[in-house]
Amino acid sequence: MTEIFRRHEVLERLEGDEDLLRELVDLFLSQSWIQIGEMKAALAAGDAASVWHQAHSLKGAAAGLGAGALSFQAARLEKAGKEGDLEAVGALLQAVQEELSRFQQAVTS
């Protein structure tokens, strides 16, 4: 099972800077929820390429912030978007949203 948040690893890369970690997490969360909204709109418009682009961006940002489980789900969504599989995109977008909620809960608890 992939971890929700590898806090220790990220904090180590940030040389123990808790304030910077909080700032990065806040920025990541606000941007990620915007991306979820953009992907929902793209799905409604049948625009798989936009879903692919947003999922690719989210995957990388999540990986960089130690959100392994979210990055994994975003990679699955990215693949479906790239393949133009809008049916899969709908289910996977829900999984990404749920994982983002789990991440948010983990970092704010």
PDB file of N, CA and C in Angstrom:
ATOM      1  N   MET A   1       0.840  -1.188   0.000  1.00  0.00           N
ATOM      2  CA  MET A   1       0.000   0.000   0.000  1.00  0.00           C
ATOM      3  C   MET A   1       0.887   1.254   0.000  1.00  0.00           C
ATOM      4  N   THR A   2       0.567   2.179  -0.811  1.00  0.00           N
ATOM      5  CA  THR A   2       1.319   3.418  -0.927  1.00  0.00           C
ATOM      6  C   THR A   2       0.910   4.372   0.201  1.00  0.00           C
ATOM      7  N   GLU A   3       1.886   5.035   0.763  1.00  0.00           N
ATOM      8  CA  GLU A   3       1.616   5.949   1.871  1.00  0.00           C
ATOM      9  C   GLU A   3       0.840   7.184   1.416  1.00  0.00           C
ATOM     10  N   ILE A   4       0.030   7.686   2.320  1.00  0.00           N
ATOM     11  CA  ILE A   4      -0.738   8.897   2.037  1.00  0.00           C
ATOM     12  C   ILE A   4       0.197  10.106   2.007  1.00  0.00           C
ATOM     13  N   PHE A   5       1.123  10.183   2.989  1.00  0.00           N
ATOM     14  CA  PHE A   5       2.016  11.339   3.089  1.00  0.00           C
ATOM     15  C   PHE A   5       3.336  10.900   3.725  1.00  0.00           C
ATOM     16  N   ARG A   6       4.393  11.001   2.960  1.00  0.00           N
ATOM     17  CA  ARG A   6       5.726  10.677   3.455  1.00  0.00           C
ATOM     18  C   ARG A   6       6.360  11.965   4.020  1.00  0.00           C
ATOM     19  N   ARG A   7       5.771  12.426   5.102  1.00  0.00           N
ATOM     20  CA  ARG A   7       6.147  13.710   5.702  1.00  0.00           C
ATOM     21  C   ARG A   7       7.632  13.771   6.031  1.00  0.00           C
ATOM     22  N   HIS A   8       8.133  12.729   6.668  1.00  0.00           N
ATOM     23  CA  HIS A   8       9.528  12.714   7.098  1.00  0.00           C
ATOM     24  C   HIS A   8      10.486  12.916   5.916  1.00  0.00           C
ATOM     25  N   GLU A   9      10.219  12.224   4.813  1.00  0.00           N
ATOM     26  CA  GLU A   9      11.069  12.352   3.625  1.00  0.00           C
ATOM     27  C   GLU A   9      11.052  13.776   3.073  1.00  0.00           C
ATOM     28  N   VAL A  10       9.879  14.350   3.005  1.00  0.00           N
ATOM     29  CA  VAL A  10       9.751  15.701   2.456  1.00  0.00           C
ATOM     30  C   VAL A  10      10.432  16.698   3.387  1.00  0.00           C
ATOM     31  N   LEU A  11      10.194  16.547   4.667  1.00  0.00           N
ATOM     32  CA  LEU A  11      10.800  17.451   5.639  1.00  0.00           C
ATOM     33  C   LEU A  11      12.327  17.343   5.603  1.00  0.00           C
ATOM     34  N   GLU A  12      12.819  16.160   5.389  1.00  0.00           N
ATOM     35  CA  GLU A  12      14.273  15.961   5.262  1.00  0.00           C
ATOM     36  C   GLU A  12      14.816  16.727   4.062  1.00  0.00           C
ATOM     37  N   ARG A  13      14.115  16.652   2.936  1.00  0.00           N
ATOM     38  CA  ARG A  13      14.540  17.391   1.729  1.00  0.00           C
ATOM     39  C   ARG A  13      14.492  18.893   1.949  1.00  0.00           C
ATOM     40  N   LEU A  14      13.591  19.328   2.834  1.00  0.00           N
ATOM     41  CA  LEU A  14      13.445  20.757   3.129  1.00  0.00           C
ATOM     42  C   LEU A  14      14.329  21.182   4.301  1.00  0.00           C
ATOM     43  N   GLU A  15      15.232  20.313   4.678  1.00  0.00           N
ATOM     44  CA  GLU A  15      16.178  20.574   5.768  1.00  0.00           C
ATOM     45  C   GLU A  15      15.471  20.951   7.068  1.00  0.00           C
ATOM     46  N   GLY A  16      14.342  20.286   7.313  1.00  0.00           N
ATOM     47  CA  GLY A  16      13.619  20.460   8.560  1.00  0.00           C
ATOM     48  C   GLY A  16      12.782  21.725   8.662  1.00  0.00           C
ATOM     49  N   ASP A  17      12.616  22.430   7.573  1.00  0.00           N
ATOM     50  CA  ASP A  17      11.894  23.709   7.596  1.00  0.00           C
ATOM     51  C   ASP A  17      10.383  23.466   7.615  1.00  0.00           C
ATOM     52  N   GLU A  18       9.809  23.450   8.820  1.00  0.00           N
ATOM     53  CA  GLU A  18       8.374  23.195   9.007  1.00  0.00           C
ATOM     54  C   GLU A  18       7.513  24.270   8.341  1.00  0.00           C
ATOM     55  N   ASP A  19       7.950  25.529   8.440  1.00  0.00           N
ATOM     56  CA  ASP A  19       7.180  26.626   7.843  1.00  0.00           C
ATOM     57  C   ASP A  19       7.091  26.464   6.329  1.00  0.00           C
ATOM     58  N   LEU A  20       8.201  26.107   5.715  1.00  0.00           N
ATOM     59  CA  LEU A  20       8.203  25.896   4.267  1.00  0.00           C
ATOM     60  C   LEU A  20       7.315  24.715   3.900  1.00  0.00           C
ATOM     61  N   LEU A  21       7.361  23.666   4.682  1.00  0.00           N
ATOM     62  CA  LEU A  21       6.498  22.509   4.422  1.00  0.00           C
ATOM     63  C   LEU A  21       5.032  22.922   4.467  1.00  0.00           C
ATOM     64  N   ARG A  22       4.645  23.669   5.507  1.00  0.00           N
ATOM     65  CA  ARG A  22       3.252  24.126   5.608  1.00  0.00           C
ATOM     66  C   ARG A  22       2.865  24.982   4.401  1.00  0.00           C
ATOM     67  N   GLU A  23       3.762  25.861   3.998  1.00  0.00           N
ATOM     68  CA  GLU A  23       3.501  26.732   2.854  1.00  0.00           C
ATOM     69  C   GLU A  23       3.319  25.910   1.574  1.00  0.00           C
ATOM     70  N   LEU A  24       4.194  24.934   1.379  1.00  0.00           N
ATOM     71  CA  LEU A  24       4.102  24.084   0.180  1.00  0.00           C
ATOM     72  C   LEU A  24       2.826  23.255   0.182  1.00  0.00           C
ATOM     73  N   VAL A  25       2.473  22.722   1.336  1.00  0.00           N
ATOM     74  CA  VAL A  25       1.253  21.918   1.446  1.00  0.00           C
ATOM     75  C   VAL A  25       0.027  22.778   1.151  1.00  0.00           C
ATOM     76  N   ASP A  26      -0.016  23.983   1.714  1.00  0.00           N
ATOM     77  CA  ASP A  26      -1.156  24.876   1.470  1.00  0.00           C
ATOM     78  C   ASP A  26      -1.286  25.212  -0.013  1.00  0.00           C
ATOM     79  N   LEU A  27      -0.171  25.539  -0.636  1.00  0.00           N
ATOM     80  CA  LEU A  27      -0.174  25.857  -2.065  1.00  0.00           C
ATOM     81  C   LEU A  27      -0.607  24.648  -2.890  1.00  0.00           C
ATOM     82  N   PHE A  28      -0.056  23.492  -2.551  1.00  0.00           N
ATOM     83  CA  PHE A  28      -0.404  22.261  -3.257  1.00  0.00           C
ATOM     84  C   PHE A  28      -1.896  21.974  -3.148  1.00  0.00           C
ATOM     85  N   LEU A  29      -2.443  22.076  -1.947  1.00  0.00           N
ATOM     86  CA  LEU A  29      -3.865  21.774  -1.759  1.00  0.00           C
ATOM     87  C   LEU A  29      -4.753  22.727  -2.548  1.00  0.00           C
ATOM     88  N   SER A  30      -4.458  24.016  -2.476  1.00  0.00           N
ATOM     89  CA  SER A  30      -5.309  24.964  -3.198  1.00  0.00           C
ATOM     90  C   SER A  30      -5.230  24.726  -4.703  1.00  0.00           C
ATOM     91  N   GLN A  31      -4.045  24.481  -5.209  1.00  0.00           N
ATOM     92  CA  GLN A  31      -3.883  24.241  -6.643  1.00  0.00           C
ATOM     93  C   GLN A  31      -4.527  22.911  -7.066  1.00  0.00           C
ATOM     94  N   SER A  32      -4.393  21.916  -6.220  1.00  0.00           N
ATOM     95  CA  SER A  32      -4.934  20.587  -6.556  1.00  0.00           C
ATOM     96  C   SER A  32      -6.455  20.601  -6.642  1.00  0.00           C
ATOM     97  N   TRP A  33      -7.108  21.321  -5.734  1.00  0.00           N
ATOM     98  CA  TRP A  33      -8.573  21.395  -5.804  1.00  0.00           C
ATOM     99  C   TRP A  33      -9.017  22.157  -7.052  1.00  0.00           C
ATOM    100  N   ILE A  34      -8.243  23.138  -7.462  1.00  0.00           N
ATOM    101  CA  ILE A  34      -8.543  23.836  -8.721  1.00  0.00           C
ATOM    102  C   ILE A  34      -8.419  22.856  -9.883  1.00  0.00           C
ATOM    103  N   GLN A  35      -7.361  22.050  -9.864  1.00  0.00           N
ATOM    104  CA  GLN A  35      -7.163  21.070 -10.935  1.00  0.00           C
ATOM    105  C   GLN A  35      -8.294  20.041 -10.973  1.00  0.00           C
ATOM    106  N   ILE A  36      -8.771  19.625  -9.813  1.00  0.00           N
ATOM    107  CA  ILE A  36      -9.901  18.688  -9.776  1.00  0.00           C
ATOM    108  C   ILE A  36     -11.100  19.321 -10.483  1.00  0.00           C
ATOM    109  N   GLY A  37     -11.384  20.573 -10.171  1.00  0.00           N
ATOM    110  CA  GLY A  37     -12.485  21.275 -10.824  1.00  0.00           C
ATOM    111  C   GLY A  37     -12.296  21.380 -12.327  1.00  0.00           C
ATOM    112  N   GLU A  38     -11.073  21.663 -12.754  1.00  0.00           N
ATOM    113  CA  GLU A  38     -10.791  21.748 -14.189  1.00  0.00           C
ATOM    114  C   GLU A  38     -10.948  20.392 -14.869  1.00  0.00           C
ATOM    115  N   MET A  39     -10.555  19.330 -14.181  1.00  0.00           N
ATOM    116  CA  MET A  39     -10.713  17.993 -14.763  1.00  0.00           C
ATOM    117  C   MET A  39     -12.180  17.598 -14.846  1.00  0.00           C
ATOM    118  N   LYS A  40     -12.971  17.988 -13.863  1.00  0.00           N
ATOM    119  CA  LYS A  40     -14.416  17.709 -13.919  1.00  0.00           C
ATOM    120  C   LYS A  40     -15.044  18.431 -15.104  1.00  0.00           C
ATOM    121  N   ALA A  41     -14.644  19.675 -15.304  1.00  0.00           N
ATOM    122  CA  ALA A  41     -15.170  20.438 -16.440  1.00  0.00           C
ATOM    123  C   ALA A  41     -14.719  19.815 -17.760  1.00  0.00           C
ATOM    124  N   ALA A  42     -13.472  19.386 -17.812  1.00  0.00           N
ATOM    125  CA  ALA A  42     -12.956  18.753 -19.031  1.00  0.00           C
ATOM    126  C   ALA A  42     -13.700  17.446 -19.322  1.00  0.00           C
ATOM    127  N   LEU A  43     -13.960  16.674 -18.274  1.00  0.00           N
ATOM    128  CA  LEU A  43     -14.711  15.429 -18.443  1.00  0.00           C
ATOM    129  C   LEU A  43     -16.104  15.728 -18.985  1.00  0.00           C
ATOM    130  N   ALA A  44     -16.761  16.716 -18.422  1.00  0.00           N
ATOM    131  CA  ALA A  44     -18.107  17.095 -18.880  1.00  0.00           C
ATOM    132  C   ALA A  44     -18.097  17.535 -20.338  1.00  0.00           C
ATOM    133  N   ALA A  45     -16.987  18.139 -20.767  1.00  0.00           N
ATOM    134  CA  ALA A  45     -16.859  18.596 -22.153  1.00  0.00           C
ATOM    135  C   ALA A  45     -16.320  17.509 -23.078  1.00  0.00           C
ATOM    136  N   GLY A  46     -15.997  16.349 -22.516  1.00  0.00           N
ATOM    137  CA  GLY A  46     -15.449  15.264 -23.324  1.00  0.00           C
ATOM    138  C   GLY A  46     -14.014  15.513 -23.770  1.00  0.00           C
ATOM    139  N   ASP A  47     -13.294  16.308 -23.011  1.00  0.00           N
ATOM    140  CA  ASP A  47     -11.928  16.711 -23.359  1.00  0.00           C
ATOM    141  C   ASP A  47     -10.909  15.874 -22.593  1.00  0.00           C
ATOM    142  N   ALA A  48     -10.628  14.689 -23.096  1.00  0.00           N
ATOM    143  CA  ALA A  48      -9.690  13.778 -22.432  1.00  0.00           C
ATOM    144  C   ALA A  48      -8.273  14.338 -22.402  1.00  0.00           C
ATOM    145  N   ALA A  49      -7.893  15.108 -23.412  1.00  0.00           N
ATOM    146  CA  ALA A  49      -6.538  15.669 -23.456  1.00  0.00           C
ATOM    147  C   ALA A  49      -6.305  16.632 -22.287  1.00  0.00           C
ATOM    148  N   SER A  50      -7.302  17.412 -21.943  1.00  0.00           N
ATOM    149  CA  SER A  50      -7.164  18.326 -20.803  1.00  0.00           C
ATOM    150  C   SER A  50      -7.080  17.556 -19.492  1.00  0.00           C
ATOM    151  N   VAL A  51      -7.843  16.480 -19.391  1.00  0.00           N
ATOM    152  CA  VAL A  51      -7.750  15.631 -18.201  1.00  0.00           C
ATOM    153  C   VAL A  51      -6.338  15.074 -18.101  1.00  0.00           C
ATOM    154  N   TRP A  52      -5.818  14.576 -19.213  1.00  0.00           N
ATOM    155  CA  TRP A  52      -4.457  14.034 -19.222  1.00  0.00           C
ATOM    156  C   TRP A  52      -3.463  15.083 -18.736  1.00  0.00           C
ATOM    157  N   HIS A  53      -3.545  16.291 -19.257  1.00  0.00           N
ATOM    158  CA  HIS A  53      -2.605  17.345 -18.899  1.00  0.00           C
ATOM    159  C   HIS A  53      -2.677  17.668 -17.400  1.00  0.00           C
ATOM    160  N   GLN A  54      -3.874  17.849 -16.877  1.00  0.00           N
ATOM    161  CA  GLN A  54      -4.040  18.179 -15.461  1.00  0.00           C
ATOM    162  C   GLN A  54      -3.607  17.018 -14.564  1.00  0.00           C
ATOM    163  N   ALA A  55      -3.945  15.809 -14.957  1.00  0.00           N
ATOM    164  CA  ALA A  55      -3.569  14.638 -14.155  1.00  0.00           C
ATOM    165  C   ALA A  55      -2.051  14.460 -14.144  1.00  0.00           C
ATOM    166  N   HIS A  56      -1.420  14.726 -15.265  1.00  0.00           N
ATOM    167  CA  HIS A  56       0.042  14.632 -15.350  1.00  0.00           C
ATOM    168  C   HIS A  56       0.687  15.630 -14.387  1.00  0.00           C
ATOM    169  N   SER A  57       0.193  16.835 -14.373  1.00  0.00           N
ATOM    170  CA  SER A  57       0.697  17.880 -13.485  1.00  0.00           C
ATOM    171  C   SER A  57       0.470  17.503 -12.020  1.00  0.00           C
ATOM    172  N   LEU A  58      -0.714  17.032 -11.703  1.00  0.00           N
ATOM    173  CA  LEU A  58      -1.045  16.641 -10.338  1.00  0.00           C
ATOM    174  C   LEU A  58      -0.172  15.474  -9.888  1.00  0.00           C
ATOM    175  N   LYS A  59       0.044  14.523 -10.752  1.00  0.00           N
ATOM    176  CA  LYS A  59       0.870  13.359 -10.425  1.00  0.00           C
ATOM    177  C   LYS A  59       2.269  13.784  -9.994  1.00  0.00           C
ATOM    178  N   GLY A  60       2.884  14.657 -10.764  1.00  0.00           N
ATOM    179  CA  GLY A  60       4.235  15.108 -10.456  1.00  0.00           C
ATOM    180  C   GLY A  60       4.301  15.923  -9.182  1.00  0.00           C
ATOM    181  N   ALA A  61       3.341  16.820  -9.001  1.00  0.00           N
ATOM    182  CA  ALA A  61       3.324  17.650  -7.799  1.00  0.00           C
ATOM    183  C   ALA A  61       3.101  16.793  -6.555  1.00  0.00           C
ATOM    184  N   ALA A  62       2.208  15.827  -6.659  1.00  0.00           N
ATOM    185  CA  ALA A  62       1.934  14.942  -5.522  1.00  0.00           C
ATOM    186  C   ALA A  62       3.167  14.118  -5.172  1.00  0.00           C
ATOM    187  N   ALA A  63       3.843  13.612  -6.172  1.00  0.00           N
ATOM    188  CA  ALA A  63       5.058  12.826  -5.930  1.00  0.00           C
ATOM    189  C   ALA A  63       6.113  13.682  -5.235  1.00  0.00           C
ATOM    190  N   GLY A  64       6.277  14.901  -5.695  1.00  0.00           N
ATOM    191  CA  GLY A  64       7.269  15.790  -5.103  1.00  0.00           C
ATOM    192  C   GLY A  64       6.965  16.163  -3.671  1.00  0.00           C
ATOM    193  N   LEU A  65       5.693  16.117  -3.299  1.00  0.00           N
ATOM    194  CA  LEU A  65       5.293  16.488  -1.948  1.00  0.00           C
ATOM    195  C   LEU A  65       5.092  15.263  -1.057  1.00  0.00           C
ATOM    196  N   GLY A  66       5.472  14.105  -1.542  1.00  0.00           N
ATOM    197  CA  GLY A  66       5.392  12.908  -0.715  1.00  0.00           C
ATOM    198  C   GLY A  66       4.007  12.311  -0.595  1.00  0.00           C
ATOM    199  N   ALA A  67       3.106  12.672  -1.496  1.00  0.00           N
ATOM    200  CA  ALA A  67       1.747  12.130  -1.485  1.00  0.00           C
ATOM    201  C   ALA A  67       1.700  10.945  -2.445  1.00  0.00           C
ATOM    202  N   GLY A  68       2.282   9.842  -2.016  1.00  0.00           N
ATOM    203  CA  GLY A  68       2.445   8.675  -2.882  1.00  0.00           C
ATOM    204  C   GLY A  68       1.150   8.083  -3.401  1.00  0.00           C
ATOM    205  N   ALA A  69       0.180   7.912  -2.521  1.00  0.00           N
ATOM    206  CA  ALA A  69      -1.090   7.311  -2.940  1.00  0.00           C
ATOM    207  C   ALA A  69      -1.822   8.210  -3.931  1.00  0.00           C
ATOM    208  N   LEU A  70      -1.772   9.511  -3.703  1.00  0.00           N
ATOM    209  CA  LEU A  70      -2.394  10.457  -4.625  1.00  0.00           C
ATOM    210  C   LEU A  70      -1.679  10.448  -5.969  1.00  0.00           C
ATOM    211  N   SER A  71      -0.364  10.410  -5.947  1.00  0.00           N
ATOM    212  CA  SER A  71       0.402  10.364  -7.188  1.00  0.00           C
ATOM    213  C   SER A  71       0.061   9.103  -7.985  1.00  0.00           C
ATOM    214  N   PHE A  72      -0.091   7.986  -7.291  1.00  0.00           N
ATOM    215  CA  PHE A  72      -0.450   6.720  -7.939  1.00  0.00           C
ATOM    216  C   PHE A  72      -1.804   6.827  -8.629  1.00  0.00           C
ATOM    217  N   GLN A  73      -2.799   7.369  -7.927  1.00  0.00           N
ATOM    218  CA  GLN A  73      -4.136   7.505  -8.518  1.00  0.00           C
ATOM    219  C   GLN A  73      -4.118   8.499  -9.679  1.00  0.00           C
ATOM    220  N   ALA A  74      -3.345   9.573  -9.540  1.00  0.00           N
ATOM    221  CA  ALA A  74      -3.251  10.558 -10.624  1.00  0.00           C
ATOM    222  C   ALA A  74      -2.588   9.938 -11.853  1.00  0.00           C
ATOM    223  N   ALA A  75      -1.647   9.035 -11.652  1.00  0.00           N
ATOM    224  CA  ALA A  75      -1.003   8.345 -12.782  1.00  0.00           C
ATOM    225  C   ALA A  75      -2.009   7.475 -13.527  1.00  0.00           C
ATOM    226  N   ARG A  76      -2.885   6.835 -12.794  1.00  0.00           N
ATOM    227  CA  ARG A  76      -3.924   6.017 -13.428  1.00  0.00           C
ATOM    228  C   ARG A  76      -4.877   6.906 -14.228  1.00  0.00           C
ATOM    229  N   LEU A  77      -5.230   8.050 -13.644  1.00  0.00           N
ATOM    230  CA  LEU A  77      -6.107   9.006 -14.334  1.00  0.00           C
ATOM    231  C   LEU A  77      -5.411   9.568 -15.570  1.00  0.00           C
ATOM    232  N   GLU A  78      -4.147   9.877 -15.439  1.00  0.00           N
ATOM    233  CA  GLU A  78      -3.365  10.384 -16.564  1.00  0.00           C
ATOM    234  C   GLU A  78      -3.401   9.395 -17.738  1.00  0.00           C
ATOM    235  N   LYS A  79      -3.211   8.121 -17.437  1.00  0.00           N
ATOM    236  CA  LYS A  79      -3.216   7.084 -18.480  1.00  0.00           C
ATOM    237  C   LYS A  79      -4.576   7.015 -19.184  1.00  0.00           C
ATOM    238  N   ALA A  80      -5.647   7.057 -18.403  1.00  0.00           N
ATOM    239  CA  ALA A  80      -6.988   7.008 -18.995  1.00  0.00           C
ATOM    240  C   ALA A  80      -7.235   8.229 -19.871  1.00  0.00           C
ATOM    241  N   GLY A  81      -6.798   9.394 -19.406  1.00  0.00           N
ATOM    242  CA  GLY A  81      -6.952  10.602 -20.207  1.00  0.00           C
ATOM    243  C   GLY A  81      -6.159  10.527 -21.494  1.00  0.00           C
ATOM    244  N   LYS A  82      -4.949  10.023 -21.404  1.00  0.00           N
ATOM    245  CA  LYS A  82      -4.097   9.902 -22.591  1.00  0.00           C
ATOM    246  C   LYS A  82      -4.706   8.955 -23.612  1.00  0.00           C
ATOM    247  N   GLU A  83      -5.347   7.907 -23.097  1.00  0.00           N
ATOM    248  CA  GLU A  83      -5.979   6.920 -23.980  1.00  0.00           C
ATOM    249  C   GLU A  83      -7.359   7.367 -24.452  1.00  0.00           C
ATOM    250  N   GLY A  84      -7.862   8.474 -23.924  1.00  0.00           N
ATOM    251  CA  GLY A  84      -9.168   8.971 -24.332  1.00  0.00           C
ATOM    252  C   GLY A  84     -10.330   8.173 -23.768  1.00  0.00           C
ATOM    253  N   ASP A  85     -10.088   7.430 -22.696  1.00  0.00           N
ATOM    254  CA  ASP A  85     -11.104   6.586 -22.092  1.00  0.00           C
ATOM    255  C   ASP A  85     -11.915   7.389 -21.073  1.00  0.00           C
ATOM    256  N   LEU A  86     -12.921   8.094 -21.565  1.00  0.00           N
ATOM    257  CA  LEU A  86     -13.702   8.982 -20.692  1.00  0.00           C
ATOM    258  C   LEU A  86     -14.499   8.240 -19.633  1.00  0.00           C
ATOM    259  N   GLU A  87     -14.888   7.023 -19.916  1.00  0.00           N
ATOM    260  CA  GLU A  87     -15.608   6.234 -18.914  1.00  0.00           C
ATOM    261  C   GLU A  87     -14.699   5.968 -17.717  1.00  0.00           C
ATOM    262  N   ALA A  88     -13.480   5.542 -17.996  1.00  0.00           N
ATOM    263  CA  ALA A  88     -12.512   5.298 -16.921  1.00  0.00           C
ATOM    264  C   ALA A  88     -12.138   6.601 -16.221  1.00  0.00           C
ATOM    265  N   VAL A  89     -12.052   7.681 -16.982  1.00  0.00           N
ATOM    266  CA  VAL A  89     -11.702   8.977 -16.402  1.00  0.00           C
ATOM    267  C   VAL A  89     -12.685   9.351 -15.295  1.00  0.00           C
ATOM    268  N   GLY A  90     -13.964   9.131 -15.517  1.00  0.00           N
ATOM    269  CA  GLY A  90     -14.971   9.472 -14.511  1.00  0.00           C
ATOM    270  C   GLY A  90     -14.739   8.751 -13.196  1.00  0.00           C
ATOM    271  N   ALA A  91     -14.507   7.455 -13.258  1.00  0.00           N
ATOM    272  CA  ALA A  91     -14.277   6.669 -12.037  1.00  0.00           C
ATOM    273  C   ALA A  91     -12.950   7.043 -11.386  1.00  0.00           C
ATOM    274  N   LEU A  92     -11.940   7.218 -12.210  1.00  0.00           N
ATOM    275  CA  LEU A  92     -10.616   7.531 -11.670  1.00  0.00           C
ATOM    276  C   LEU A  92     -10.547   8.948 -11.109  1.00  0.00           C
ATOM    277  N   LEU A  93     -11.286   9.848 -11.689  1.00  0.00           N
ATOM    278  CA  LEU A  93     -11.329  11.208 -11.163  1.00  0.00           C
ATOM    279  C   LEU A  93     -11.921  11.196  -9.759  1.00  0.00           C
ATOM    280  N   GLN A  94     -12.917  10.373  -9.555  1.00  0.00           N
ATOM    281  CA  GLN A  94     -13.497  10.229  -8.214  1.00  0.00           C
ATOM    282  C   GLN A  94     -12.454   9.672  -7.250  1.00  0.00           C
ATOM    283  N   ALA A  95     -11.679   8.690  -7.675  1.00  0.00           N
ATOM    284  CA  ALA A  95     -10.635   8.100  -6.825  1.00  0.00           C
ATOM    285  C   ALA A  95      -9.567   9.133  -6.484  1.00  0.00           C
ATOM    286  N   VAL A  96      -9.201   9.964  -7.452  1.00  0.00           N
ATOM    287  CA  VAL A  96      -8.211  11.014  -7.210  1.00  0.00           C
ATOM    288  C   VAL A  96      -8.751  12.019  -6.199  1.00  0.00           C
ATOM    289  N   GLN A  97      -9.990  12.393  -6.353  1.00  0.00           N
ATOM    290  CA  GLN A  97     -10.609  13.348  -5.432  1.00  0.00           C
ATOM    291  C   GLN A  97     -10.634  12.774  -4.017  1.00  0.00           C
ATOM    292  N   GLU A  98     -10.977  11.520  -3.887  1.00  0.00           N
ATOM    293  CA  GLU A  98     -11.007  10.879  -2.570  1.00  0.00           C
ATOM    294  C   GLU A  98      -9.608  10.826  -1.966  1.00  0.00           C
ATOM    295  N   GLU A  99      -8.614  10.526  -2.788  1.00  0.00           N
ATOM    296  CA  GLU A  99      -7.237  10.455  -2.291  1.00  0.00           C
ATOM    297  C   GLU A  99      -6.729  11.837  -1.888  1.00  0.00           C
ATOM    298  N   LEU A 100      -7.117  12.861  -2.630  1.00  0.00           N
ATOM    299  CA  LEU A 100      -6.740  14.219  -2.264  1.00  0.00           C
ATOM    300  C   LEU A 100      -7.370  14.588  -0.922  1.00  0.00           C
ATOM    301  N   SER A 101      -8.606  14.185  -0.706  1.00  0.00           N
ATOM    302  CA  SER A 101      -9.269  14.432   0.583  1.00  0.00           C
ATOM    303  C   SER A 101      -8.536  13.711   1.711  1.00  0.00           C
ATOM    304  N   ARG A 102      -8.115  12.490   1.468  1.00  0.00           N
ATOM    305  CA  ARG A 102      -7.365  11.726   2.477  1.00  0.00           C
ATOM    306  C   ARG A 102      -6.039  12.418   2.783  1.00  0.00           C
ATOM    307  N   PHE A 103      -5.365  12.889   1.748  1.00  0.00           N
ATOM    308  CA  PHE A 103      -4.102  13.611   1.936  1.00  0.00           C
ATOM    309  C   PHE A 103      -4.341  14.868   2.764  1.00  0.00           C
ATOM    310  N   GLN A 104      -5.372  15.620   2.382  1.00  0.00           N
ATOM    311  CA  GLN A 104      -5.673  16.858   3.103  1.00  0.00           C
ATOM    312  C   GLN A 104      -5.956  16.573   4.572  1.00  0.00           C
ATOM    313  N   GLN A 105      -6.694  15.525   4.835  1.00  0.00           N
ATOM    314  CA  GLN A 105      -6.993  15.151   6.226  1.00  0.00           C
ATOM    315  C   GLN A 105      -5.704  14.768   6.958  1.00  0.00           C
ATOM    316  N   ALA A 106      -4.825  14.045   6.286  1.00  0.00           N
ATOM    317  CA  ALA A 106      -3.571  13.598   6.921  1.00  0.00           C
ATOM    318  C   ALA A 106      -2.668  14.773   7.265  1.00  0.00           C
ATOM    319  N   VAL A 107      -2.625  15.780   6.421  1.00  0.00           N
ATOM    320  CA  VAL A 107      -1.711  16.898   6.665  1.00  0.00           C
ATOM    321  C   VAL A 107      -2.302  17.953   7.583  1.00  0.00           C
ATOM    322  N   THR A 108      -3.600  17.934   7.785  1.00  0.00           N
ATOM    323  CA  THR A 108      -4.213  18.940   8.639  1.00  0.00           C
ATOM    324  C   THR A 108      -4.620  18.391  10.000  1.00  0.00           C
ATOM    325  N   SER A 109      -4.386  17.114  10.209  1.00  0.00           N
ATOM    326  CA  SER A 109      -4.742  16.481  11.506  1.00  0.00           C
ATOM    327  C   SER A 109      -3.642  16.678  12.515  1.00  0.00           C
TER     328      SER A 109
END
